[in-house]
Amino acid sequence: MKQKRNWSVLLGAAFLMATSAVGPGFLTQTTVFTQAMAASFGFVILISIILDIGVQLNVWRVIAVSEKRAQDIANIVLPGLGLFITVLIVLGGLAFNIGNVGGAGLGFNVLFGLSAKAGAVVAAAIAIAVFLVKEAGKVMDRFAQVMGFLMILLIVYVAVTSKPPLAEAVHKTFIPDEIDIIAIVTLVGGTVGGYITFAGGHRLLDAGIKGKDALPEVNTSAVSGITVASVIRVFLFLAALGVVSQGYVLDAANPPASVFQLAAGNIGYKLFGVVMLSAAVTSVIGSAYTSVSFMKSFSKKVAHYENWVIIAFIAISTAIFVTIGRPVHLLILAGALNGLILPITLGTILVAAYKKDLVGNYKHPLWLTVFGVLVVLVMAWLGGYTLLQQLPQLFT
């Protein structure tokens, strides 16, 4: 019975991480890059998957072995660093949740003709309902799994109907015509950046799966999470490639919707509504849950009333979207900061992996350290560059 319960939690954590990553931005990035790079985008996806696995294994393993959340680990590595990281995570989580709520509103608009704002309120109510249940953790796990499987099935269907050139896609995944470093960094940041890095790791900790003995389960869950997100990414890439290779031009206002509609007609457009709604609502849940998990260390009241704080987080995101819309400057700043969160948090985790007062006699694999350092250096450089590029826009 315990093994069955653990497997349910492991899958739940994997799907929470994956569906947190697969939001409106994920869908748009994948289709836009496919249109720009065609089959060569397969190489970008392949490299990003390898880097994603390295990032998640580093983070989840150290959280499990230390039996502490990321912010508590950071405070032990450097006093005050945990609070700084929490501020970044919560700011980014709130800003992107506004976009997630908006994406859910768009999904309802496509499906039922509701206005984006009305749809956003309904979507927020669905997300809030998850945390009103006594066994909220179990409901969250199951909801993420069902929505994740639904997205995979629908995107696979659209990929098949678009008839992508599979031979060319496979060939250029390994021998691309071009290599776009910015695209690789964007995908890594979008899949395992910001709060997403810790969604699954914190979920496992909350469910009691921790310690050195739990490492095989942690590894399985982390790799499963990346696999789910990657399967969705690959089939969405193939769907978009099929459409683009036939000479169609995607609608710049809504590239992913354009892919679904061009591949499968009006039915495809409705399927896009289901996928967008599923992606957005699960991202709302993942963002709120993970952001509040960072706040728990600094307030006993937040820890005691965790579900209510999560509900407030979702309500505030929705209220901002309904009253202001997507605050462009806030999203620009949060996006730039998100690029810096990963190198800071992953760098902290790598230092923690070698601190005996945190991990005891645990030996961190050298290959994971090398992977981690590579990601930290590349993301720090490009995250800093992006922040410098975007800051002037905040004052114009």
Protein backbone atom coordinates (compact mmCIF):
# COMPACT_ATOMS: atom_id res chain seq x y z
CA MET A 1 0.00 0.00 0.00
CA LYS A 2 2.84 2.38 0.89
CA GLN A 3 4.57 1.65 -2.44
CA LYS A 4 1.32 2.42 -4.28
CA ARG A 5 0.91 5.65 -2.30
CA ASN A 6 4.51 6.65 -3.02
CA TRP A 7 4.09 5.99 -6.73
CA SER A 8 1.01 8.21 -6.75
CA VAL A 9 2.95 11.00 -5.02
CA LEU A 10 5.97 10.56 -7.33
CA LEU A 11 3.74 10.85 -10.40
CA GLY A 12 1.92 13.77 -8.82
CA ALA A 13 5.18 15.66 -8.20
CA ALA A 14 6.37 14.87 -11.73
CA PHE A 15 3.16 16.13 -13.31
CA LEU A 16 3.04 19.17 -11.01
CA MET A 17 6.50 20.17 -12.26
CA ALA A 18 5.64 19.36 -15.89
CA THR A 19 2.26 21.10 -15.97
CA SER A 20 3.75 24.10 -14.12
CA ALA A 21 6.23 24.38 -16.99
CA VAL A 22 3.61 23.87 -19.72
CA GLY A 23 1.80 27.20 -19.55
CA PRO A 24 0.72 29.76 -22.16
CA GLY A 25 4.32 30.93 -22.62
CA PHE A 26 5.54 27.35 -23.20
CA LEU A 27 2.96 26.83 -25.98
CA THR A 28 3.82 30.14 -27.65
CA GLN A 29 7.62 29.72 -27.41
CA THR A 30 7.51 26.26 -28.97
CA THR A 31 5.43 27.31 -31.98
CA VAL A 32 7.31 30.57 -32.59
CA PHE A 33 10.73 28.88 -32.49
CA THR A 34 9.49 26.09 -34.77
CA GLN A 35 8.31 28.67 -37.31
CA ALA A 36 11.71 30.41 -37.15
CA MET A 37 13.99 27.35 -37.17
CA ALA A 38 11.82 24.61 -38.75
CA ALA A 39 13.19 21.07 -38.21
CA SER A 40 16.45 22.36 -36.68
CA PHE A 41 14.48 23.35 -33.59
CA GLY A 42 14.54 19.64 -32.72
CA PHE A 43 18.23 20.03 -31.82
CA VAL A 44 17.39 22.88 -29.44
CA ILE A 45 14.75 20.71 -27.76
CA LEU A 46 17.20 17.79 -27.43
CA ILE A 47 19.91 19.91 -25.77
CA SER A 48 17.42 21.65 -23.49
CA ILE A 49 16.01 18.29 -22.34
CA ILE A 50 19.50 17.09 -21.36
CA LEU A 51 20.17 20.33 -19.45
CA ASP A 52 16.71 20.24 -17.84
CA ILE A 53 17.33 16.74 -16.48
CA GLY A 54 20.68 17.89 -15.04
CA VAL A 55 19.06 20.89 -13.33
CA GLN A 56 16.15 18.93 -11.84
CA LEU A 57 18.28 16.05 -10.56
CA ASN A 58 20.66 18.50 -8.85
CA VAL A 59 17.86 20.41 -7.15
CA TRP A 60 15.54 17.54 -6.21
CA ARG A 61 18.35 15.32 -4.85
CA VAL A 62 19.82 18.01 -2.58
CA ILE A 63 16.35 19.00 -1.29
CA ALA A 64 15.62 15.33 -0.52
CA VAL A 65 18.97 14.58 1.17
CA SER A 66 19.03 17.79 3.24
CA GLU A 67 15.31 17.36 4.02
CA LYS A 68 14.92 21.12 3.70
CA ARG A 69 13.18 23.47 1.28
CA ALA A 70 15.29 25.55 -1.09
CA GLN A 71 14.97 28.79 0.90
CA ASP A 72 16.11 27.07 4.12
CA ILE A 73 19.06 25.53 2.28
CA ALA A 74 19.97 28.98 0.91
CA ASN A 75 19.85 30.58 4.39
CA ILE A 76 22.30 27.97 5.70
CA VAL A 77 24.64 28.49 2.72
CA LEU A 78 24.50 32.28 3.22
CA PRO A 79 22.31 33.96 5.86
CA GLY A 80 19.68 36.15 4.22
CA LEU A 81 20.01 34.48 0.80
CA GLY A 82 16.85 32.43 1.38
CA LEU A 83 14.78 35.56 1.93
CA PHE A 84 16.25 37.16 -1.22
CA ILE A 85 15.44 34.07 -3.30
CA THR A 86 11.93 33.93 -1.83
CA VAL A 87 11.27 37.54 -2.89
CA LEU A 88 12.42 36.72 -6.44
CA ILE A 89 10.36 33.53 -6.60
CA VAL A 90 7.18 35.13 -5.25
CA LEU A 91 7.52 38.21 -7.50
CA GLY A 92 8.09 36.02 -10.55
CA GLY A 93 5.36 33.59 -9.53
CA LEU A 94 2.81 36.38 -9.08
CA ALA A 95 3.71 38.11 -12.35
CA PHE A 96 3.58 34.93 -14.40
CA ASN A 97 0.41 33.82 -12.66
CA ILE A 98 -1.26 36.93 -14.07
CA GLY A 99 -0.29 35.63 -17.53
CA ASN A 100 -1.45 32.11 -16.62
CA VAL A 101 -4.86 33.39 -15.49
CA GLY A 102 -5.09 35.36 -18.75
CA GLY A 103 -4.22 32.22 -20.72
CA ALA A 104 -6.99 30.32 -18.94
CA GLY A 105 -9.37 33.12 -19.84
CA LEU A 106 -8.35 32.76 -23.47
CA GLY A 107 -9.04 29.00 -23.28
CA PHE A 108 -12.58 29.65 -22.04
CA ASN A 109 -13.01 32.29 -24.75
CA VAL A 110 -12.11 29.78 -27.47
CA LEU A 111 -14.32 27.04 -26.02
CA PHE A 112 -17.43 28.92 -24.94
CA GLY A 113 -17.11 32.50 -26.18
CA LEU A 114 -16.70 33.91 -22.67
CA SER A 115 -14.75 37.15 -22.38
CA ALA A 116 -11.11 36.65 -21.33
CA LYS A 117 -11.80 38.33 -17.97
CA ALA A 118 -14.89 36.24 -17.22
CA GLY A 119 -13.01 33.10 -18.26
CA ALA A 120 -10.11 34.06 -16.00
CA VAL A 121 -12.47 34.33 -13.01
CA VAL A 122 -13.99 30.88 -13.74
CA ALA A 123 -10.51 29.35 -14.15
CA ALA A 124 -9.37 30.92 -10.86
CA ALA A 125 -12.45 29.44 -9.15
CA ILE A 126 -11.47 25.97 -10.45
CA ALA A 127 -7.91 26.38 -9.15
CA ILE A 128 -9.15 27.68 -5.80
CA ALA A 129 -11.56 24.73 -5.46
CA VAL A 130 -8.55 22.36 -5.44
CA PHE A 131 -7.24 24.01 -2.26
CA LEU A 132 -10.63 24.09 -0.51
CA VAL A 133 -10.57 20.29 -0.28
CA LYS A 134 -9.21 18.72 2.91
CA GLU A 135 -6.78 16.45 1.04
CA ALA A 136 -5.61 19.30 -1.22
CA GLY A 137 -2.23 17.70 -1.93
CA LYS A 138 -3.78 14.52 -3.29
CA VAL A 139 -6.34 16.45 -5.33
CA MET A 140 -3.57 18.66 -6.75
CA ASP A 141 -1.54 15.58 -7.72
CA ARG A 142 -4.46 13.90 -9.45
CA PHE A 143 -5.62 17.10 -11.20
CA ALA A 144 -2.11 17.66 -12.60
CA GLN A 145 -1.97 14.05 -13.84
CA VAL A 146 -5.37 14.15 -15.55
CA MET A 147 -4.71 17.52 -17.22
CA GLY A 148 -1.22 16.42 -18.25
CA PHE A 149 -2.47 13.23 -19.91
CA LEU A 150 -5.28 15.18 -21.60
CA MET A 151 -2.80 17.69 -23.08
CA ILE A 152 -0.56 14.90 -24.35
CA LEU A 153 -3.46 13.07 -26.06
CA LEU A 154 -4.79 16.21 -27.78
CA ILE A 155 -1.39 17.46 -28.91
CA VAL A 156 -0.46 14.00 -30.26
CA TYR A 157 -3.73 14.00 -32.25
CA VAL A 158 -2.97 17.43 -33.76
CA ALA A 159 0.63 16.37 -34.50
CA VAL A 160 -0.62 13.33 -36.43
CA THR A 161 -3.15 15.36 -38.43
CA SER A 162 -0.53 17.96 -39.38
CA LYS A 163 1.58 15.23 -41.09
CA PRO A 164 5.06 16.51 -40.08
CA PRO A 165 8.15 15.46 -42.09
CA LEU A 166 9.40 12.97 -39.49
CA ALA A 167 12.57 11.90 -41.32
CA GLU A 168 13.70 15.50 -41.67
CA ALA A 169 12.82 16.23 -38.03
CA VAL A 170 14.92 13.28 -36.79
CA HIS A 171 17.83 14.12 -39.11
CA LYS A 172 18.01 17.80 -38.12
CA THR A 173 17.56 17.03 -34.44
CA PHE A 174 21.06 15.55 -34.57
CA ILE A 175 22.51 17.50 -37.53
CA PRO A 176 20.84 20.93 -37.46
CA ASP A 177 21.21 23.64 -40.09
CA GLU A 178 21.63 26.20 -37.31
CA ILE A 179 22.18 26.29 -33.55
CA ASP A 180 20.41 29.02 -31.60
CA ILE A 181 21.92 29.43 -28.12
CA ILE A 182 19.29 31.99 -27.10
CA ALA A 183 16.55 29.48 -27.96
CA ILE A 184 18.23 26.80 -25.82
CA VAL A 185 18.49 29.17 -22.85
CA THR A 186 14.89 30.32 -23.32
CA LEU A 187 13.65 26.73 -23.28
CA VAL A 188 15.72 25.79 -20.22
CA GLY A 189 14.53 28.90 -18.36
CA GLY A 190 10.93 28.26 -19.40
CA THR A 191 10.98 24.59 -18.39
CA VAL A 192 13.02 24.61 -15.17
CA GLY A 193 13.40 28.33 -14.34
CA GLY A 194 11.91 30.37 -11.50
CA TYR A 195 9.45 28.58 -9.23
CA ILE A 196 9.19 25.59 -11.62
CA THR A 197 12.63 24.35 -10.49
CA PHE A 198 11.26 23.59 -7.03
CA ALA A 199 7.61 22.65 -7.66
CA GLY A 200 8.19 18.89 -7.64
CA GLY A 201 11.01 18.84 -5.09
CA HIS A 202 8.95 20.75 -2.52
CA ARG A 203 5.92 18.57 -3.24
CA LEU A 204 7.93 15.40 -2.49
CA LEU A 205 9.24 16.96 0.73
CA ASP A 206 5.71 17.88 1.83
CA ALA A 207 4.63 14.29 1.11
CA GLY A 208 7.42 12.90 3.30
CA ILE A 209 9.60 11.45 0.52
CA LYS A 210 13.06 12.52 1.69
CA GLY A 211 16.47 11.28 2.88
CA LYS A 212 19.21 9.29 1.12
CA ASP A 213 17.06 6.16 0.98
CA ALA A 214 14.47 8.01 -1.09
CA LEU A 215 16.96 9.08 -3.81
CA PRO A 216 15.94 6.37 -6.33
CA GLU A 217 12.31 7.53 -6.04
CA VAL A 218 13.38 11.18 -6.29
CA ASN A 219 15.41 10.44 -9.44
CA THR A 220 12.45 8.65 -11.00
CA SER A 221 10.06 11.50 -10.24
CA ALA A 222 12.44 14.21 -11.50
CA VAL A 223 13.17 12.44 -14.79
CA SER A 224 9.46 11.63 -15.21
CA GLY A 225 8.59 15.32 -14.83
CA ILE A 226 11.05 16.39 -17.52
CA THR A 227 9.89 13.50 -19.72
CA VAL A 228 6.24 14.59 -19.53
CA ALA A 229 7.08 18.23 -20.32
CA SER A 230 9.41 17.09 -23.13
CA VAL A 231 6.80 14.77 -24.71
CA ILE A 232 4.37 17.71 -24.85
CA ARG A 233 7.12 19.95 -26.29
CA VAL A 234 8.17 17.39 -28.94
CA PHE A 235 4.64 16.70 -30.22
CA LEU A 236 3.76 20.40 -30.24
CA PHE A 237 6.97 20.96 -32.25
CA LEU A 238 5.94 18.22 -34.71
CA ALA A 239 2.43 19.68 -35.01
CA ALA A 240 3.84 23.14 -35.76
CA LEU A 241 6.48 21.70 -38.11
CA GLY A 242 3.79 19.88 -40.09
CA VAL A 243 1.87 23.11 -40.56
CA VAL A 244 4.91 25.27 -41.35
CA SER A 245 6.40 22.72 -43.77
CA GLN A 246 3.21 22.91 -45.85
CA GLY A 247 3.84 26.62 -46.40
CA TYR A 248 1.26 27.99 -43.97
CA VAL A 249 2.08 31.17 -42.04
CA LEU A 250 1.12 31.19 -38.36
CA ASP A 251 -1.01 34.01 -36.98
CA ALA A 252 1.42 36.26 -35.09
CA ALA A 253 -1.31 37.23 -32.61
CA ASN A 254 -1.76 33.62 -31.44
CA PRO A 255 0.74 31.17 -32.98
CA PRO A 256 -0.28 27.99 -31.06
CA ALA A 257 -3.98 28.47 -31.85
CA SER A 258 -3.01 28.92 -35.49
CA VAL A 259 -1.17 25.58 -35.48
CA PHE A 260 -4.17 23.70 -34.10
CA GLN A 261 -6.62 25.37 -36.49
CA LEU A 262 -4.49 24.90 -39.61
CA ALA A 263 -3.78 21.27 -38.70
CA ALA A 264 -7.30 20.17 -37.73
CA GLY A 265 -9.74 22.91 -38.75
CA ASN A 266 -12.37 24.22 -36.35
CA ILE A 267 -12.14 21.06 -34.24
CA GLY A 268 -8.43 21.78 -33.88
CA TYR A 269 -9.21 25.32 -32.76
CA LYS A 270 -11.52 23.98 -30.03
CA LEU A 271 -8.86 21.46 -29.02
CA PHE A 272 -6.45 24.37 -28.65
CA GLY A 273 -8.93 25.89 -26.21
CA VAL A 274 -8.86 22.71 -24.11
CA VAL A 275 -5.03 22.54 -24.20
CA MET A 276 -4.63 26.25 -23.35
CA LEU A 277 -7.14 25.97 -20.51
CA SER A 278 -5.46 22.82 -19.13
CA ALA A 279 -1.98 24.31 -19.43
CA ALA A 280 -2.98 27.61 -17.83
CA VAL A 281 -5.01 26.26 -14.88
CA THR A 282 -2.35 23.72 -13.93
CA SER A 283 0.30 26.47 -14.14
CA VAL A 284 -1.83 28.69 -11.88
CA ILE A 285 -1.98 25.87 -9.31
CA GLY A 286 1.73 25.05 -9.58
CA SER A 287 2.83 28.68 -9.36
CA ALA A 288 0.64 29.46 -6.33
CA TYR A 289 1.56 26.25 -4.46
CA THR A 290 5.31 26.63 -5.03
CA SER A 291 5.45 30.37 -4.32
CA VAL A 292 3.67 29.92 -0.99
CA SER A 293 5.93 26.95 -0.12
CA PHE A 294 8.80 29.49 -0.12
CA MET A 295 6.92 31.87 2.19
CA LYS A 296 6.25 29.20 4.84
CA SER A 297 9.75 29.43 6.33
CA PHE A 298 9.32 33.07 7.28
CA SER A 299 5.89 32.98 8.91
CA LYS A 300 4.25 30.37 11.11
CA LYS A 301 0.86 31.81 10.12
CA VAL A 302 1.58 31.19 6.43
CA ALA A 303 2.55 27.61 7.27
CA HIS A 304 -0.57 27.12 9.41
CA TYR A 305 -2.97 28.65 6.88
CA GLU A 306 -1.08 27.46 3.79
CA ASN A 307 -4.11 26.60 1.65
CA TRP A 308 -5.80 29.92 2.40
CA VAL A 309 -2.63 31.83 1.50
CA ILE A 310 -2.48 29.88 -1.79
CA ILE A 311 -6.11 30.81 -2.45
CA ALA A 312 -5.30 34.48 -1.73
CA PHE A 313 -2.32 34.29 -4.12
CA ILE A 314 -4.59 33.01 -6.91
CA ALA A 315 -7.26 35.61 -6.10
CA ILE A 316 -4.75 38.49 -6.17
CA SER A 317 -3.33 37.32 -9.54
CA THR A 318 -6.84 37.16 -10.95
CA ALA A 319 -7.85 40.55 -9.54
CA ILE A 320 -4.81 42.20 -11.12
CA PHE A 321 -5.59 40.62 -14.51
CA VAL A 322 -9.28 41.61 -14.35
CA THR A 323 -8.64 45.21 -13.25
CA ILE A 324 -5.33 46.06 -14.95
CA GLY A 325 -4.83 43.33 -17.52
CA ARG A 326 -1.30 42.09 -18.08
CA PRO A 327 0.92 44.80 -16.56
CA VAL A 328 3.59 44.88 -19.27
CA HIS A 329 6.36 46.49 -17.25
CA LEU A 330 5.92 44.04 -14.37
CA LEU A 331 6.00 41.09 -16.76
CA ILE A 332 9.12 42.44 -18.49
CA LEU A 333 10.93 42.85 -15.19
CA ALA A 334 9.75 39.48 -13.87
CA GLY A 335 10.82 37.78 -17.09
CA ALA A 336 14.28 39.28 -16.85
CA LEU A 337 14.54 38.41 -13.15
CA ASN A 338 13.39 34.86 -13.92
CA GLY A 339 16.50 34.45 -16.05
CA LEU A 340 18.61 35.28 -13.01
CA ILE A 341 16.71 33.11 -10.52
CA LEU A 342 17.93 29.80 -11.99
CA PRO A 343 21.70 30.51 -11.79
CA ILE A 344 21.32 31.92 -8.26
CA THR A 345 19.20 29.05 -6.95
CA LEU A 346 21.06 26.29 -8.79
CA GLY A 347 24.41 27.77 -7.75
CA THR A 348 23.23 27.74 -4.13
CA ILE A 349 22.12 24.11 -4.44
CA LEU A 350 25.51 23.10 -5.89
CA VAL A 351 27.33 24.72 -2.94
CA ALA A 352 24.91 23.04 -0.52
CA ALA A 353 25.58 19.64 -2.11
CA TYR A 354 29.09 19.75 -0.62
CA LYS A 355 28.23 21.14 2.85
CA LYS A 356 28.31 18.28 5.35
CA ASP A 357 26.10 20.13 7.84
CA LEU A 358 23.37 19.97 5.17
CA VAL A 359 23.90 16.65 3.40
CA GLY A 360 25.94 14.61 5.89
CA ASN A 361 28.00 11.87 4.23
CA TYR A 362 26.09 12.09 0.92
CA LYS A 363 28.36 12.18 -2.15
CA HIS A 364 26.97 14.30 -4.99
CA PRO A 365 27.67 12.83 -8.47
CA LEU A 366 30.46 14.72 -10.28
CA TRP A 367 28.60 14.67 -13.62
CA LEU A 368 25.64 16.44 -12.02
CA THR A 369 27.94 19.11 -10.58
CA VAL A 370 29.54 19.70 -14.01
CA PHE A 371 26.12 19.93 -15.64
CA GLY A 372 24.95 22.32 -12.95
CA VAL A 373 27.97 24.63 -13.19
CA LEU A 374 27.56 24.80 -16.99
CA VAL A 375 23.90 25.84 -16.66
CA VAL A 376 24.73 28.39 -13.93
CA LEU A 377 27.41 30.09 -16.05
CA VAL A 378 25.38 30.22 -19.28
CA MET A 379 22.14 31.33 -17.61
CA ALA A 380 23.89 33.95 -15.47
CA TRP A 381 25.52 35.54 -18.50
CA LEU A 382 22.41 35.55 -20.66
CA GLY A 383 20.08 36.40 -17.77
CA GLY A 384 22.23 39.42 -16.92
CA TYR A 385 22.35 40.49 -20.55
CA THR A 386 18.56 40.20 -20.86
CA LEU A 387 18.00 42.20 -17.67
CA LEU A 388 20.25 45.02 -18.90
CA GLN A 389 18.41 45.04 -22.24
CA GLN A 390 14.96 45.15 -20.63
CA LEU A 391 15.53 47.63 -17.79
CA PRO A 392 15.45 50.76 -20.02
CA GLN A 393 11.93 49.78 -21.14
CA LEU A 394 10.70 50.13 -17.56
CA PHE A 395 11.47 53.85 -17.57
CA THR A 396 10.10 54.78 -21.02
